[in-house]
């Protein structure tokens, strides 16, 4: 009995020493009213995507965390003053990076412009000039709009919910709020007179932030985030709060905890020691086995961010490259007609020599052959140079930034042909049977050429990805609907089709059936928003196993004039 008591005392001392070794809890700050990312729930406890992600990182890294949610402005000040250790959700910006170090982003936050239903729609931040705009105080969009010189017209509020209430009450013209929290708040508080009028006006990298120079804490949270992504726990948390919501299932740890409460004190002490030792061994084993792969994934994520920055600069580089290609190509286009005239003038002399002296070599080949081939060679060279010029112009148009969203009369046939040229390589790879039929004398439509082209490129790429093999076909048809009168385009693919339960959600933000292959669920959502801004419609009809039909309808200029 004496030996057993000694063992119990030793075990209890070990547990106390283990608890002391965990050091004091990390103070984690966040916004008290930024659902579903972070907020105080009805029971007065921290909840949301950021909170659950932070708890999971604390568990996998062996860290104790203490949440301290409050007003965003105060939280930002507390981090810089050292009163909290880190912020669990903060968007990156260059001014902030001067005093804050950031982990790789754990998600992307898209911001939108909200307005009352009767308010004229806007499409870009530039359209907000001279308008009273309410937004989240000291948030990333407050910082960006202030830098754009809109400070005197901005009405900052403590929370996004306050900003949307102010807008609903008619005290401001527009509100700039993150898309997901904005829709969440509108639904929760029944602000039924508010709608998003411009989606995805800005996409911000959203992750953890620590005081400048706190490299150790930054490295631990970066490592913990990489491990969660590798084990799949990150995907579960992301899907729960930002994807399809599912009721949380009790974990085996919770069941074990409930059982331990009912056990005797001796079993609690011994069982806790065994579980702690087992958990520690498992974590050490997992970390040892997966550390190299987790670090490799972190390196790949950093490379992807660098690649994203490179792609952002591609539009600028295309103009320079196009200039370098167009210069020599312009000389070819200029000189080819002259060469054709030279050959036409010289052909009489060459033909006379051929009649008098018989066949002779011209350019290393018999003249009897060259007299047939040379005109075709010159025509092919001229046509090839014109094709180079057309492709370069298409790339320049597609890569050009269009902040002003210029509206003009556009020919849907021309836009469709340009989109086909841009994805021609993808079409050739995906199918051996691509057909395009363009209706004659289509009425023009009123809109932004580049944005409609973006929609068609996205639809064509989706059709290519839907084909299981190259024997399946894709067909594109333009038409005029006199009942509208509208101008339309139909895109048919013989792919795998879409399940009936997914059809109604195709244009919902973040909904995708291709998440495992990198899909974000934003392509069709953005395309649908563009089409609606143009007063049109985008409809889907699909039969699983047989393919999908997408119908795009846009009002013609004739219809717009009649409505005006």
Protein backbone atom coordinates (compact mmCIF):
# COMPACT_ATOMS: atom_id res chain seq x y z
CA UNK A 1 0.00 0.00 0.00
CA UNK A 2 2.92 2.33 0.84
CA UNK A 3 4.53 1.68 -2.56
CA UNK A 4 1.24 2.42 -4.35
CA UNK A 5 0.88 5.76 -2.53
CA UNK A 6 4.45 6.69 -3.51
CA UNK A 7 3.67 5.95 -7.16
CA UNK A 8 0.55 8.13 -6.98
CA UNK A 9 2.52 11.01 -5.45
CA UNK A 10 5.27 10.74 -8.11
CA UNK A 11 2.71 10.69 -10.92
CA UNK A 12 0.90 13.71 -9.49
CA UNK A 13 4.19 15.63 -9.23
CA UNK A 14 4.99 14.78 -12.87
CA UNK A 15 1.58 16.08 -14.00
CA UNK A 16 2.11 19.35 -12.11
CA UNK A 17 5.58 19.77 -13.60
CA UNK A 18 4.19 19.06 -17.10
CA UNK A 19 1.52 21.73 -16.67
CA UNK A 20 4.10 24.26 -15.50
CA UNK A 21 6.31 23.45 -18.51
CA UNK A 22 3.62 24.69 -20.90
CA UNK A 23 4.44 28.28 -19.79
CA UNK A 24 1.90 31.08 -19.64
CA UNK A 25 -0.89 31.13 -22.27
CA UNK A 26 -0.46 33.12 -25.49
CA UNK A 27 -2.85 36.05 -25.64
CA UNK A 28 -4.62 35.89 -29.00
CA UNK A 29 -6.52 38.95 -30.15
CA UNK A 30 -9.34 39.30 -32.66
CA UNK A 31 -12.46 41.20 -33.66
CA UNK A 32 -15.48 40.61 -31.41
CA UNK A 33 -17.97 41.07 -34.29
CA UNK A 34 -16.57 39.74 -37.59
CA UNK A 35 -18.68 36.63 -38.33
CA UNK A 36 -18.14 33.95 -39.43
CA UNK A 37 -14.38 34.51 -39.06
CA UNK A 38 -14.39 35.56 -35.39
CA UNK A 39 -17.09 36.77 -33.00
CA UNK A 40 -18.57 36.43 -29.51
CA UNK A 41 -21.41 33.88 -29.62
CA UNK A 42 -24.71 33.99 -27.73
CA UNK A 43 -23.08 32.27 -24.75
CA UNK A 44 -20.44 35.01 -24.56
CA UNK A 45 -17.62 32.76 -25.81
CA UNK A 46 -15.18 33.28 -28.72
CA UNK A 47 -16.29 31.40 -31.83
CA UNK A 48 -15.73 31.28 -35.58
CA UNK A 49 -13.31 30.03 -38.22
CA UNK A 50 -10.27 31.92 -36.83
CA UNK A 51 -10.94 30.79 -33.25
CA UNK A 52 -11.24 27.11 -34.15
CA UNK A 53 -8.17 27.26 -36.40
CA UNK A 54 -6.13 28.87 -33.60
CA UNK A 55 -7.25 26.22 -31.11
CA UNK A 56 -6.21 23.46 -33.54
CA UNK A 57 -2.76 25.01 -34.03
CA UNK A 58 -2.39 25.33 -30.25
CA UNK A 59 -3.17 21.64 -29.86
CA UNK A 60 -0.82 20.40 -32.57
CA UNK A 61 2.03 22.68 -31.41
CA UNK A 62 1.46 22.16 -27.64
CA UNK A 63 0.56 25.80 -26.96
CA UNK A 64 -1.92 27.27 -24.49
CA UNK A 65 -3.95 30.12 -25.93
CA UNK A 66 -6.15 32.73 -24.29
CA UNK A 67 -8.60 34.58 -26.56
CA UNK A 68 -9.16 38.29 -26.01
CA UNK A 69 -11.64 39.57 -28.60
CA UNK A 70 -12.59 43.25 -28.74
CA UNK A 71 -12.93 46.24 -31.02
CA UNK A 72 -10.69 45.96 -34.09
CA UNK A 73 -8.96 49.34 -33.64
CA UNK A 74 -8.09 48.53 -30.02
CA UNK A 75 -6.87 45.05 -30.96
CA UNK A 76 -4.55 46.48 -33.62
CA UNK A 77 -3.16 48.98 -31.10
CA UNK A 78 -2.75 46.26 -28.45
CA UNK A 79 -0.67 44.13 -30.83
CA UNK A 80 1.68 47.00 -31.66
CA UNK A 81 1.96 47.87 -27.94
CA UNK A 82 2.65 44.27 -26.92
CA UNK A 83 -0.51 43.82 -24.85
CA UNK A 84 -1.46 40.80 -26.98
CA UNK A 85 0.87 38.28 -28.61
CA UNK A 86 -0.77 37.93 -32.02
CA UNK A 87 -3.83 38.65 -34.13
CA UNK A 88 -5.48 35.55 -35.59
CA UNK A 89 -7.04 37.31 -38.58
CA UNK A 90 -5.42 40.32 -40.29
CA UNK A 91 -5.07 41.27 -43.97
CA UNK A 92 -1.60 41.95 -45.34
CA UNK A 93 -0.61 45.37 -46.61
CA UNK A 94 2.72 47.08 -47.15
CA UNK A 95 2.15 49.76 -44.45
CA UNK A 96 1.18 47.09 -41.92
CA UNK A 97 4.22 44.98 -42.81
CA UNK A 98 6.43 47.78 -41.47
CA UNK A 99 5.38 46.96 -37.87
CA UNK A 100 3.82 43.48 -38.16
CA UNK A 101 5.18 40.14 -39.39
CA UNK A 102 2.69 37.87 -41.22
CA UNK A 103 2.37 34.11 -41.63
CA UNK A 104 1.40 32.71 -45.04
CA UNK A 105 -2.33 33.41 -45.52
CA UNK A 106 -4.77 30.81 -44.26
CA UNK A 107 -7.55 32.17 -46.51
CA UNK A 108 -8.42 34.93 -48.99
CA UNK A 109 -11.02 37.57 -48.03
CA UNK A 110 -12.96 39.14 -50.89
CA UNK A 111 -14.48 42.58 -50.33
CA UNK A 112 -17.65 43.94 -51.93
CA UNK A 113 -19.63 47.16 -52.27
CA UNK A 114 -23.11 47.06 -50.66
CA UNK A 115 -25.99 49.47 -51.33
CA UNK A 116 -29.70 49.84 -50.75
CA UNK A 117 -31.82 48.26 -53.46
CA UNK A 118 -32.97 51.61 -54.86
CA UNK A 119 -29.42 53.07 -54.99
CA UNK A 120 -27.71 53.25 -58.42
CA UNK A 121 -25.24 50.40 -58.82
CA UNK A 122 -21.46 50.92 -58.98
CA UNK A 123 -18.83 48.47 -60.16
CA UNK A 124 -15.43 49.71 -58.93
CA UNK A 125 -13.88 51.61 -56.05
CA UNK A 126 -13.30 54.53 -58.43
CA UNK A 127 -17.07 54.95 -58.75
CA UNK A 128 -17.26 55.78 -55.03
CA UNK A 129 -15.53 59.13 -55.46
CA UNK A 130 -17.67 61.90 -53.97
CA UNK A 131 -20.03 59.40 -52.24
CA UNK A 132 -20.53 58.90 -48.49
CA UNK A 133 -19.06 55.47 -47.81
CA UNK A 134 -19.24 53.63 -44.48
CA UNK A 135 -16.77 50.87 -43.59
CA UNK A 136 -14.96 49.07 -40.77
CA UNK A 137 -12.69 51.46 -38.85
CA UNK A 138 -8.94 50.71 -39.32
CA UNK A 139 -9.82 47.73 -41.55
CA UNK A 140 -7.85 47.02 -44.70
CA UNK A 141 -10.40 48.79 -46.95
CA UNK A 142 -10.37 51.85 -44.65
CA UNK A 143 -6.62 51.94 -45.16
CA UNK A 144 -6.91 51.48 -48.95
CA UNK A 145 -9.67 54.07 -49.53
CA UNK A 146 -7.88 56.60 -47.33
CA UNK A 147 -4.75 56.11 -49.46
CA UNK A 148 -6.92 56.78 -52.55
CA UNK A 149 -7.87 60.19 -51.13
CA UNK A 150 -11.45 59.39 -50.08
CA UNK A 151 -10.85 60.17 -46.38
CA UNK A 152 -13.23 63.14 -46.04
CA UNK A 153 -16.19 61.10 -47.39
CA UNK A 154 -15.56 57.98 -45.29
CA UNK A 155 -17.73 57.12 -42.27
CA UNK A 156 -15.83 54.50 -40.20
CA UNK A 157 -17.70 52.36 -37.66
CA UNK A 158 -16.51 50.02 -34.86
CA UNK A 159 -17.86 46.88 -36.60
CA UNK A 160 -19.01 45.81 -40.08
CA UNK A 161 -22.51 45.26 -38.62
CA UNK A 162 -22.62 48.93 -37.55
CA UNK A 163 -21.61 49.98 -41.06
CA UNK A 164 -24.41 47.94 -42.69
CA UNK A 165 -26.98 49.22 -40.19
CA UNK A 166 -25.92 52.78 -41.00
CA UNK A 167 -26.33 52.04 -44.72
CA UNK A 168 -29.74 50.38 -44.20
CA UNK A 169 -30.92 53.47 -42.30
CA UNK A 170 -30.08 55.69 -45.29
CA UNK A 171 -27.31 57.66 -43.59
CA UNK A 172 -24.66 56.71 -46.19
CA UNK A 173 -24.64 55.97 -49.92
CA UNK A 174 -22.57 52.77 -49.93
CA UNK A 175 -20.74 50.38 -47.61
CA UNK A 176 -17.49 48.53 -48.33
CA UNK A 177 -17.45 45.28 -46.32
CA UNK A 178 -15.99 41.81 -46.77
CA UNK A 179 -18.38 39.69 -48.85
CA UNK A 180 -18.88 36.72 -46.50
CA UNK A 181 -19.35 38.74 -43.26
CA UNK A 182 -21.58 41.18 -45.16
CA UNK A 183 -23.97 38.48 -46.38
CA UNK A 184 -23.87 36.81 -42.94
CA UNK A 185 -24.81 40.06 -41.17
CA UNK A 186 -27.58 40.89 -43.68
CA UNK A 187 -29.13 37.47 -43.09
CA UNK A 188 -28.73 37.48 -39.29
CA UNK A 189 -30.05 41.02 -38.74
CA UNK A 190 -32.65 40.88 -41.56
CA UNK A 191 -31.33 43.97 -43.38
CA UNK A 192 -33.50 43.09 -46.37
CA UNK A 193 -33.08 46.42 -48.18
CA UNK A 194 -29.33 45.83 -48.74
CA UNK A 195 -27.68 43.98 -51.63
CA UNK A 196 -24.10 43.61 -52.92
CA UNK A 197 -23.77 45.71 -56.10
CA UNK A 198 -20.10 44.95 -56.86
CA UNK A 199 -18.51 41.67 -55.83
CA UNK A 200 -14.82 40.90 -55.42
CA UNK A 201 -13.61 44.49 -55.80
CA UNK A 202 -10.53 43.58 -53.75
CA UNK A 203 -9.05 40.25 -52.62
CA UNK A 204 -6.85 40.36 -49.53
CA UNK A 205 -4.45 37.77 -48.09
CA UNK A 206 -5.72 36.97 -44.58
CA UNK A 207 -3.58 35.27 -41.94
CA UNK A 208 -1.88 35.57 -38.54
CA UNK A 209 0.11 38.65 -37.51
CA UNK A 210 2.72 39.12 -34.74
CA UNK A 211 4.79 42.07 -33.60
CA UNK A 212 7.74 42.87 -35.83
CA UNK A 213 10.70 40.70 -34.91
CA UNK A 214 8.83 37.96 -33.00
CA UNK A 215 10.32 35.32 -35.29
CA UNK A 216 9.87 32.39 -32.86
CA UNK A 217 6.12 32.81 -32.47
CA UNK A 218 5.73 33.47 -36.22
CA UNK A 219 7.63 30.25 -37.03
CA UNK A 220 5.54 28.14 -34.62
CA UNK A 221 2.21 29.29 -36.04
CA UNK A 222 3.53 28.94 -39.61
CA UNK A 223 4.61 25.37 -38.84
CA UNK A 224 1.31 24.56 -37.11
CA UNK A 225 -0.70 25.88 -40.06
CA UNK A 226 1.35 23.76 -42.49
CA UNK A 227 0.78 20.63 -40.37
CA UNK A 228 -3.00 21.23 -40.23
CA UNK A 229 -3.10 21.52 -44.04
CA UNK A 230 -1.08 18.34 -44.40
CA UNK A 231 -3.28 16.31 -42.03
CA UNK A 232 -6.56 17.58 -43.54
CA UNK A 233 -7.73 19.26 -40.32
CA UNK A 234 -7.50 22.68 -41.99
CA UNK A 235 -9.89 21.59 -44.76
CA UNK A 236 -12.40 20.36 -42.17
CA UNK A 237 -12.38 23.69 -40.30
CA UNK A 238 -12.54 25.72 -43.52
CA UNK A 239 -15.49 23.69 -44.82
CA UNK A 240 -17.34 23.99 -41.52
CA UNK A 241 -17.25 27.79 -41.32
CA UNK A 242 -16.68 29.03 -44.86
CA UNK A 243 -17.97 26.15 -46.98
CA UNK A 244 -20.93 23.83 -46.59
CA UNK A 245 -21.87 23.99 -42.90
CA UNK A 246 -22.19 20.65 -41.15
CA UNK A 247 -23.07 19.94 -37.52
CA UNK A 248 -19.95 19.22 -35.45
CA UNK A 249 -19.55 15.64 -34.32
CA UNK A 250 -18.25 14.85 -30.84
CA UNK A 251 -14.58 13.82 -30.88
CA UNK A 252 -13.13 10.85 -29.08
CA UNK A 253 -11.21 13.25 -26.83
CA UNK A 254 -14.52 14.76 -25.64
CA UNK A 255 -15.99 11.30 -25.01
CA UNK A 256 -12.89 10.30 -23.09
CA UNK A 257 -13.06 13.49 -21.05
CA UNK A 258 -16.70 12.81 -20.13
CA UNK A 259 -15.81 9.28 -19.06
CA UNK A 260 -12.89 10.52 -17.00
CA UNK A 261 -15.17 12.87 -15.02
CA UNK A 262 -17.19 9.85 -13.83
CA UNK A 263 -14.13 7.84 -12.81
CA UNK A 264 -12.43 7.78 -9.43
CA UNK A 265 -9.64 10.28 -8.62
CA UNK A 266 -7.05 7.54 -8.90
CA UNK A 267 -8.19 6.56 -12.42
CA UNK A 268 -8.27 10.24 -13.41
CA UNK A 269 -4.63 10.71 -12.36
CA UNK A 270 -3.38 7.46 -13.90
CA UNK A 271 -5.53 7.77 -17.04
CA UNK A 272 -4.50 11.40 -17.55
CA UNK A 273 -0.84 10.44 -17.31
CA UNK A 274 -1.25 7.61 -19.81
CA UNK A 275 -3.21 9.78 -22.24
CA UNK A 276 -0.73 12.63 -21.92
CA UNK A 277 2.20 10.30 -22.57
CA UNK A 278 0.44 8.64 -25.51
CA UNK A 279 -0.56 11.98 -27.01
CA UNK A 280 2.97 13.29 -26.63
CA UNK A 281 4.48 10.21 -28.27
CA UNK A 282 1.96 10.36 -31.11
CA UNK A 283 2.62 14.06 -31.72
CA UNK A 284 6.38 13.48 -31.70
CA UNK A 285 6.00 10.58 -34.13
CA UNK A 286 3.70 12.52 -36.45
CA UNK A 287 5.87 15.63 -36.36
CA UNK A 288 9.03 13.63 -37.02
CA UNK A 289 7.40 11.75 -39.91
CA UNK A 290 5.72 14.73 -41.58
CA UNK A 291 7.94 17.71 -40.73
CA UNK A 292 9.94 17.53 -43.95
CA UNK A 293 6.80 17.20 -46.10
CA UNK A 294 5.05 20.00 -44.16
CA UNK A 295 8.03 22.31 -44.68
CA UNK A 296 8.06 21.37 -48.35
CA UNK A 297 4.38 22.28 -48.63
CA UNK A 298 5.11 25.58 -46.90
CA UNK A 299 7.85 26.24 -49.44
CA UNK A 300 5.44 25.43 -52.27
CA UNK A 301 2.82 27.78 -50.79
CA UNK A 302 5.37 30.56 -50.67
CA UNK A 303 6.29 29.83 -54.29
CA UNK A 304 2.60 30.02 -55.21
CA UNK A 305 2.35 33.45 -53.59
CA UNK A 306 5.41 34.57 -55.55
CA UNK A 307 3.86 33.13 -58.70
CA UNK A 308 0.62 35.00 -57.97
CA UNK A 309 2.61 38.25 -57.74
CA UNK A 310 4.29 37.40 -61.05
CA UNK A 311 0.92 36.78 -62.68
CA UNK A 312 -0.29 40.14 -61.40
CA UNK A 313 2.57 41.76 -63.34
CA UNK A 314 1.89 39.72 -66.48
CA UNK A 315 -0.45 42.34 -67.91
CA UNK A 316 2.38 44.90 -67.83
CA UNK A 317 4.90 42.50 -69.36
CA UNK A 318 2.55 41.49 -72.19
CA UNK A 319 2.52 45.03 -73.56
CA UNK A 320 6.32 45.13 -73.68
CA UNK A 321 6.65 41.69 -75.24
CA UNK A 322 3.92 42.48 -77.76
CA UNK A 323 5.82 45.61 -78.80
CA UNK A 324 9.00 43.59 -79.40
CA UNK A 325 7.05 41.04 -81.48
CA UNK A 326 5.06 43.60 -83.43
CA UNK A 327 8.14 45.53 -84.61
CA UNK A 328 9.73 42.73 -86.70
CA UNK A 329 6.31 41.36 -87.61
CA UNK A 330 5.34 44.81 -88.88
CA UNK A 331 8.37 44.76 -91.20
CA UNK A 332 7.20 41.40 -92.57
CA UNK A 333 3.68 42.73 -93.17
CA UNK A 334 5.13 45.84 -94.81
CA UNK A 335 7.60 44.02 -97.07
CA UNK A 336 5.52 41.02 -98.13
CA UNK A 337 3.31 43.00 -100.57
CA UNK A 338 6.50 44.48 -102.09
CA UNK A 339 8.01 41.01 -102.50
CA UNK A 340 4.79 39.85 -104.21
CA UNK A 341 5.01 42.78 -106.65
CA UNK A 342 8.72 42.08 -107.27
CA UNK A 343 7.96 38.46 -108.09
CA UNK A 344 5.04 39.48 -110.32
CA UNK A 345 7.34 41.87 -112.24
CA UNK A 346 10.15 39.33 -112.47
CA UNK A 347 7.94 36.40 -113.43
CA UNK A 348 7.74 37.57 -117.07
CA UNK A 349 11.54 37.59 -117.39
CA UNK A 350 11.85 34.24 -115.60
CA UNK A 351 9.15 32.72 -117.78
CA UNK A 352 10.85 34.05 -120.93
CA UNK A 353 14.15 32.47 -119.89
CA UNK A 354 12.38 29.21 -119.12
CA UNK A 355 10.80 29.15 -122.59
CA UNK A 356 14.10 29.96 -124.29
CA UNK A 357 16.66 27.99 -122.27
CA UNK A 358 14.64 25.30 -120.54
CA UNK A 359 14.47 24.56 -116.84
CA UNK A 360 16.98 26.15 -114.42
CA UNK A 361 17.53 26.35 -110.65
CA UNK A 362 15.94 29.11 -108.60
CA UNK A 363 16.70 29.13 -104.88
CA UNK A 364 18.13 25.60 -105.14
CA UNK A 365 14.97 24.18 -106.71
CA UNK A 366 13.92 23.76 -110.38
CA UNK A 367 12.07 26.78 -111.71
CA UNK A 368 9.32 24.54 -113.06
CA UNK A 369 8.49 23.71 -109.44
CA UNK A 370 9.16 27.15 -107.96
CA UNK A 371 6.81 28.85 -110.45
CA UNK A 372 3.98 26.89 -108.77
CA UNK A 373 5.19 27.01 -105.12
CA UNK A 374 6.53 30.55 -104.71
CA UNK A 375 3.17 32.43 -104.91
CA UNK A 376 1.74 30.04 -102.29
CA UNK A 377 4.81 30.50 -100.06
CA UNK A 378 4.47 34.27 -100.18
CA UNK A 379 0.73 34.10 -99.40
CA UNK A 380 1.31 31.73 -96.49
CA UNK A 381 4.02 33.98 -95.04
CA UNK A 382 1.73 37.00 -95.34
CA UNK A 383 -1.20 35.14 -93.70
CA UNK A 384 1.07 33.86 -90.90
CA UNK A 385 2.30 37.38 -90.11
CA UNK A 386 -1.29 38.65 -89.97
CA UNK A 387 -2.19 35.78 -87.60
CA UNK A 388 0.73 36.70 -85.30
CA UNK A 389 -0.51 40.29 -85.20
CA UNK A 390 -4.07 39.17 -84.37
CA UNK A 391 -2.94 36.82 -81.55
CA UNK A 392 -0.71 39.50 -79.99
CA UNK A 393 -3.56 42.04 -80.07
CA UNK A 394 -5.91 39.50 -78.43
CA UNK A 395 -3.41 38.84 -75.63
CA UNK A 396 -2.90 42.57 -75.05
CA UNK A 397 -6.64 43.15 -74.85
CA UNK A 398 -7.21 40.24 -72.44
CA UNK A 399 -4.31 41.15 -70.11
CA UNK A 400 -5.09 44.89 -70.03
CA UNK A 401 -6.44 46.11 -66.68
CA UNK A 402 -9.87 47.68 -67.03
CA UNK A 403 -10.45 49.70 -63.85
CA UNK A 404 -12.91 52.06 -65.57
CA UNK A 405 -15.16 49.30 -66.94
CA UNK A 406 -15.71 51.11 -70.26
CA UNK A 407 -19.15 50.54 -71.81
CA UNK A 408 -19.51 50.38 -75.58
CA UNK A 409 -21.33 48.61 -78.40
CA UNK A 410 -19.77 45.17 -78.86
CA UNK A 411 -20.21 42.37 -81.37
CA UNK A 412 -20.79 39.07 -79.55
CA UNK A 413 -19.42 37.14 -82.54
CA UNK A 414 -16.12 39.03 -82.37
CA UNK A 415 -15.87 38.56 -78.59
CA UNK A 416 -16.58 34.82 -78.94
CA UNK A 417 -13.97 34.43 -81.69
CA UNK A 418 -11.39 36.23 -79.57
CA UNK A 419 -12.14 33.98 -76.57
CA UNK A 420 -11.79 30.88 -78.77
CA UNK A 421 -8.41 32.08 -80.02
CA UNK A 422 -7.20 32.67 -76.44
CA UNK A 423 -8.07 29.12 -75.31
CA UNK A 424 -7.29 27.45 -78.64
CA UNK A 425 -4.50 25.36 -77.12
CA UNK A 426 -6.76 24.10 -74.31
CA UNK A 427 -9.45 23.23 -76.87
CA UNK A 428 -7.00 21.29 -79.05
CA UNK A 429 -5.77 19.35 -75.99
CA UNK A 430 -9.25 18.61 -74.60
CA UNK A 431 -11.17 17.59 -77.74
CA UNK A 432 -10.79 16.51 -81.34
CA UNK A 433 -14.26 17.85 -82.16
CA UNK A 434 -14.73 21.56 -81.56
CA UNK A 435 -17.35 23.32 -83.66
CA UNK A 436 -18.29 26.99 -83.76
CA UNK A 437 -21.27 28.52 -85.58
CA UNK A 438 -21.65 32.29 -85.63
CA UNK A 439 -25.01 33.79 -86.61
CA UNK A 440 -24.93 36.46 -89.30
CA UNK A 441 -25.92 40.09 -88.72
CA UNK A 442 -26.20 39.84 -84.93
CA UNK A 443 -27.40 43.08 -83.29
CA UNK A 444 -24.71 44.64 -81.07
CA UNK A 445 -24.93 44.52 -77.28
CA UNK A 446 -24.05 47.30 -74.86
CA UNK A 447 -21.40 46.46 -72.29
CA UNK A 448 -17.75 45.94 -71.47
CA UNK A 449 -15.95 43.83 -74.06
CA UNK A 450 -13.20 42.64 -71.73
CA UNK A 451 -15.60 41.41 -69.05
CA UNK A 452 -17.83 39.52 -71.47
CA UNK A 453 -14.67 37.99 -72.94
CA UNK A 454 -13.66 36.93 -69.40
CA UNK A 455 -17.02 35.14 -68.99
CA UNK A 456 -16.63 33.25 -72.29
CA UNK A 457 -13.03 32.23 -71.54
CA UNK A 458 -14.15 30.86 -68.17
CA UNK A 459 -17.06 28.91 -69.73
CA UNK A 460 -14.82 27.45 -72.45
CA UNK A 461 -12.19 26.33 -69.94
CA UNK A 462 -14.88 24.72 -67.77
CA UNK A 463 -16.16 22.83 -70.82
CA UNK A 464 -12.62 21.59 -71.57
CA UNK A 465 -12.16 20.39 -67.98
CA UNK A 466 -15.49 18.52 -68.08
CA UNK A 467 -14.46 16.21 -70.95
CA UNK A 468 -13.19 12.78 -69.86
CA UNK A 469 -11.31 12.23 -73.14
CA UNK A 470 -10.63 13.94 -76.46
CA UNK A 471 -13.25 11.93 -78.35
CA UNK A 472 -16.00 14.01 -76.70
CA UNK A 473 -16.99 17.25 -78.43
CA UNK A 474 -17.65 20.91 -77.67
CA UNK A 475 -19.84 23.20 -79.79
CA UNK A 476 -20.39 26.96 -79.61
CA UNK A 477 -23.32 28.75 -81.30
CA UNK A 478 -24.38 32.39 -81.34
CA UNK A 479 -27.94 33.40 -82.14
CA UNK A 480 -30.46 36.22 -82.05
CA UNK A 481 -33.58 35.76 -79.94
CA UNK A 482 -36.27 38.01 -81.52
CA UNK A 483 -38.62 37.46 -78.58
CA UNK A 484 -36.22 39.46 -76.36
CA UNK A 485 -34.92 40.96 -78.46
CA UNK A 486 -31.70 39.48 -77.08
CA UNK A 487 -28.42 38.17 -78.39
CA UNK A 488 -27.35 34.79 -77.09
CA UNK A 489 -24.62 32.16 -77.05
CA UNK A 490 -24.98 28.44 -76.39
CA UNK A 491 -22.02 26.29 -75.31
CA UNK A 492 -22.52 22.51 -75.34
CA UNK A 493 -20.06 19.93 -74.05
CA UNK A 494 -20.27 16.13 -74.03
CA UNK A 495 -18.65 15.89 -70.60
CA UNK A 496 -19.55 14.14 -67.38
CA UNK A 497 -22.45 16.49 -66.60
CA UNK A 498 -23.59 18.05 -63.30
CA UNK A 499 -25.60 16.39 -60.57
CA UNK A 500 -29.17 17.83 -60.27
CA UNK A 501 -28.65 18.84 -56.63
CA UNK A 502 -25.65 20.98 -57.66
CA UNK A 503 -27.26 22.88 -60.56
CA UNK A 504 -29.00 25.48 -58.40
CA UNK A 505 -25.77 26.29 -56.53
CA UNK A 506 -23.34 26.59 -59.44
CA UNK A 507 -23.09 30.39 -59.17
CA UNK A 508 -22.94 30.52 -55.35
CA UNK A 509 -19.67 32.00 -54.04
CA UNK A 510 -17.16 29.34 -52.87
CA UNK A 511 -19.28 26.43 -54.15
CA UNK A 512 -17.20 23.99 -56.22
CA UNK A 513 -17.11 20.28 -57.00
CA UNK A 514 -13.41 20.54 -57.93
CA UNK A 515 -11.92 21.71 -54.63
CA UNK A 516 -9.51 18.75 -54.51
CA UNK A 517 -8.03 19.83 -57.87
CA UNK A 518 -7.64 23.47 -56.87
CA UNK A 519 -11.11 24.87 -57.62
CA UNK A 520 -12.09 27.95 -55.60
CA UNK A 521 -15.79 28.19 -56.46
CA UNK A 522 -15.38 31.76 -57.68
CA UNK A 523 -15.20 31.43 -61.50
CA UNK A 524 -18.91 30.93 -62.21
CA UNK A 525 -19.88 33.24 -59.34
CA UNK A 526 -17.85 36.09 -60.82
CA UNK A 527 -19.11 35.29 -64.34
CA UNK A 528 -22.73 35.33 -63.16
CA UNK A 529 -22.17 38.68 -61.47
CA UNK A 530 -20.70 40.15 -64.67
CA UNK A 531 -23.64 38.90 -66.74
CA UNK A 532 -26.16 40.33 -64.26
CA UNK A 533 -24.37 43.69 -64.34
CA UNK A 534 -24.98 43.67 -68.12
CA UNK A 535 -28.70 42.93 -67.63
CA UNK A 536 -28.37 39.39 -68.98
CA UNK A 537 -28.80 35.84 -67.73
CA UNK A 538 -26.66 32.70 -67.47
CA UNK A 539 -28.56 29.38 -67.47
CA UNK A 540 -27.33 25.79 -67.06
CA UNK A 541 -28.96 22.55 -68.24
CA UNK A 542 -27.17 19.28 -67.60
CA UNK A 543 -27.73 15.54 -67.67
CA UNK A 544 -25.17 13.44 -65.73
CA UNK A 545 -23.11 11.35 -68.12
CA UNK A 546 -24.31 13.21 -71.23
CA UNK A 547 -22.97 16.74 -70.88
CA UNK A 548 -23.95 20.31 -70.08
CA UNK A 549 -25.56 23.18 -72.02
CA UNK A 550 -24.80 26.76 -70.95
CA UNK A 551 -26.96 29.55 -72.40
CA UNK A 552 -25.85 33.18 -72.18
CA UNK A 553 -28.40 35.89 -73.03
CA UNK A 554 -27.58 39.60 -73.28
CA UNK A 555 -29.98 42.43 -74.19
CA UNK A 556 -29.28 43.90 -77.61
CA UNK A 557 -28.69 47.60 -78.18
CA UNK A 558 -32.16 47.78 -79.73
CA UNK A 559 -33.72 46.50 -76.49
CA UNK A 560 -31.67 48.91 -74.37
CA UNK A 561 -32.80 51.88 -76.47
CA UNK A 562 -36.44 50.73 -76.20
CA UNK A 563 -36.18 50.45 -72.39
CA UNK A 564 -34.59 53.89 -72.18
